[in-house]
N, C-alpha and C. Protein backbone atom coordinates (compact mmCIF):
# COMPACT_ATOMS: atom_id res chain seq x y z
N UNK A 1 -122.40 -26.37 -93.98
CA UNK A 1 -122.23 -27.59 -93.23
C UNK A 1 -122.61 -27.29 -91.77
N UNK A 2 -123.49 -28.10 -91.24
CA UNK A 2 -123.97 -27.89 -89.89
C UNK A 2 -123.34 -28.90 -88.94
N UNK A 3 -122.75 -28.40 -87.91
CA UNK A 3 -122.14 -29.26 -86.89
C UNK A 3 -122.88 -29.06 -85.59
N UNK A 4 -123.23 -30.15 -84.95
CA UNK A 4 -123.86 -30.07 -83.64
C UNK A 4 -122.81 -30.44 -82.61
N UNK A 5 -122.50 -29.51 -81.78
CA UNK A 5 -121.48 -29.76 -80.73
C UNK A 5 -122.19 -30.02 -79.42
N UNK A 6 -121.94 -31.16 -78.85
CA UNK A 6 -122.52 -31.49 -77.57
C UNK A 6 -121.43 -31.47 -76.53
N UNK A 7 -121.64 -30.73 -75.48
CA UNK A 7 -120.67 -30.65 -74.40
C UNK A 7 -121.42 -30.73 -73.08
N UNK A 8 -121.03 -31.65 -72.27
CA UNK A 8 -121.60 -31.76 -70.93
C UNK A 8 -120.44 -31.53 -69.94
N UNK A 9 -120.52 -30.45 -69.23
CA UNK A 9 -119.46 -30.15 -68.28
C UNK A 9 -119.58 -31.11 -67.08
N UNK A 10 -118.54 -31.25 -66.28
CA UNK A 10 -118.55 -32.22 -65.19
C UNK A 10 -119.70 -32.03 -64.19
N UNK A 11 -120.11 -30.81 -63.92
CA UNK A 11 -121.21 -30.58 -63.01
C UNK A 11 -122.53 -31.11 -63.55
N UNK A 12 -122.79 -30.83 -64.82
CA UNK A 12 -124.03 -31.33 -65.45
C UNK A 12 -124.00 -32.85 -65.61
N UNK A 13 -122.86 -33.39 -65.94
CA UNK A 13 -122.72 -34.84 -66.07
C UNK A 13 -122.95 -35.54 -64.74
N UNK A 14 -122.48 -34.94 -63.68
CA UNK A 14 -122.66 -35.51 -62.34
C UNK A 14 -124.14 -35.49 -61.95
N UNK A 15 -124.83 -34.42 -62.26
CA UNK A 15 -126.27 -34.33 -61.94
C UNK A 15 -127.05 -35.35 -62.78
N UNK A 16 -126.71 -35.49 -64.03
CA UNK A 16 -127.36 -36.44 -64.93
C UNK A 16 -127.14 -37.86 -64.43
N UNK A 17 -125.92 -38.18 -64.04
CA UNK A 17 -125.58 -39.50 -63.51
C UNK A 17 -126.37 -39.78 -62.24
N UNK A 18 -126.44 -38.79 -61.34
CA UNK A 18 -127.18 -38.96 -60.09
C UNK A 18 -128.67 -39.13 -60.34
N UNK A 19 -129.21 -38.42 -61.32
CA UNK A 19 -130.63 -38.54 -61.66
C UNK A 19 -130.95 -39.94 -62.18
N UNK A 20 -130.09 -40.49 -63.01
CA UNK A 20 -130.30 -41.84 -63.56
C UNK A 20 -130.23 -42.88 -62.45
N UNK A 21 -129.23 -42.80 -61.60
CA UNK A 21 -129.07 -43.77 -60.50
C UNK A 21 -130.23 -43.67 -59.53
N UNK A 22 -130.58 -42.46 -59.10
CA UNK A 22 -131.67 -42.28 -58.12
C UNK A 22 -133.01 -42.70 -58.71
N UNK A 23 -133.24 -42.43 -59.97
CA UNK A 23 -134.48 -42.84 -60.62
C UNK A 23 -134.59 -44.34 -60.72
N UNK A 24 -133.49 -45.00 -61.02
CA UNK A 24 -133.48 -46.45 -61.12
C UNK A 24 -133.75 -47.10 -59.77
N UNK A 25 -133.08 -46.61 -58.74
CA UNK A 25 -133.28 -47.16 -57.39
C UNK A 25 -134.71 -46.88 -56.90
N UNK A 26 -135.21 -45.69 -57.17
CA UNK A 26 -136.58 -45.36 -56.78
C UNK A 26 -137.60 -46.24 -57.46
N UNK A 27 -137.39 -46.52 -58.75
CA UNK A 27 -138.33 -47.39 -59.48
C UNK A 27 -138.30 -48.81 -58.92
N UNK A 28 -137.11 -49.31 -58.61
CA UNK A 28 -136.99 -50.67 -58.05
C UNK A 28 -137.70 -50.75 -56.71
N UNK A 29 -137.49 -49.79 -55.84
CA UNK A 29 -138.12 -49.80 -54.52
C UNK A 29 -139.64 -49.68 -54.65
N UNK A 30 -140.10 -48.82 -55.55
CA UNK A 30 -141.55 -48.65 -55.74
C UNK A 30 -142.20 -49.94 -56.23
N UNK A 31 -141.62 -50.58 -57.24
CA UNK A 31 -142.16 -51.83 -57.75
C UNK A 31 -142.13 -52.91 -56.69
N UNK A 32 -141.06 -52.97 -55.91
CA UNK A 32 -140.96 -53.99 -54.87
C UNK A 32 -142.05 -53.80 -53.81
N UNK A 33 -142.27 -52.56 -53.42
CA UNK A 33 -143.34 -52.28 -52.44
C UNK A 33 -144.70 -52.58 -53.02
N UNK A 34 -144.92 -52.27 -54.28
CA UNK A 34 -146.19 -52.52 -54.94
C UNK A 34 -146.48 -54.01 -54.97
N UNK A 35 -145.51 -54.80 -55.41
CA UNK A 35 -145.73 -56.24 -55.52
C UNK A 35 -145.78 -56.93 -54.16
N UNK A 36 -145.11 -56.40 -53.17
CA UNK A 36 -145.23 -56.94 -51.81
C UNK A 36 -146.63 -56.69 -51.29
N UNK A 37 -147.20 -55.55 -51.56
CA UNK A 37 -148.57 -55.26 -51.14
C UNK A 37 -149.57 -56.17 -51.82
N UNK A 38 -149.38 -56.42 -53.12
CA UNK A 38 -150.28 -57.35 -53.81
C UNK A 38 -150.15 -58.75 -53.25
N UNK A 39 -148.94 -59.17 -52.99
CA UNK A 39 -148.71 -60.51 -52.45
C UNK A 39 -149.34 -60.66 -51.06
N UNK A 40 -149.23 -59.65 -50.25
CA UNK A 40 -149.82 -59.67 -48.92
C UNK A 40 -151.35 -59.70 -49.02
N UNK A 41 -151.91 -58.89 -49.90
CA UNK A 41 -153.36 -58.83 -50.07
C UNK A 41 -153.90 -60.16 -50.58
N UNK A 42 -153.22 -60.77 -51.56
CA UNK A 42 -153.66 -62.06 -52.08
C UNK A 42 -153.50 -63.14 -51.05
N UNK A 43 -152.44 -63.08 -50.26
CA UNK A 43 -152.23 -64.07 -49.18
C UNK A 43 -153.34 -64.00 -48.15
N UNK A 44 -153.78 -62.80 -47.81
CA UNK A 44 -154.87 -62.65 -46.85
C UNK A 44 -156.18 -63.06 -47.45
N UNK A 45 -156.38 -62.82 -48.73
CA UNK A 45 -157.66 -63.14 -49.38
C UNK A 45 -157.83 -64.63 -49.57
N UNK A 46 -156.77 -65.32 -49.91
CA UNK A 46 -156.85 -66.76 -50.19
C UNK A 46 -156.29 -67.62 -49.06
N UNK A 47 -156.19 -67.05 -47.89
CA UNK A 47 -155.69 -67.79 -46.74
C UNK A 47 -156.70 -68.87 -46.37
N UNK A 48 -156.19 -70.01 -45.95
CA UNK A 48 -157.08 -71.12 -45.58
C UNK A 48 -157.63 -70.95 -44.17
N UNK A 49 -157.16 -69.98 -43.43
CA UNK A 49 -157.67 -69.71 -42.08
C UNK A 49 -158.97 -68.94 -42.18
N UNK A 50 -160.03 -69.51 -41.65
CA UNK A 50 -161.33 -68.81 -41.70
C UNK A 50 -161.98 -68.82 -40.34
């Protein structure tokens, strides 16, 4: 009979938790900056001021 024992000590759990939170926030900020740049570029391209 094979048993797989998974144990995450508090230090590893803390690092894992921090990695998930920081990755999520980093992805949100990156996407927001990316779409803001696209919006600015499209606004300048299709601006009625010539």
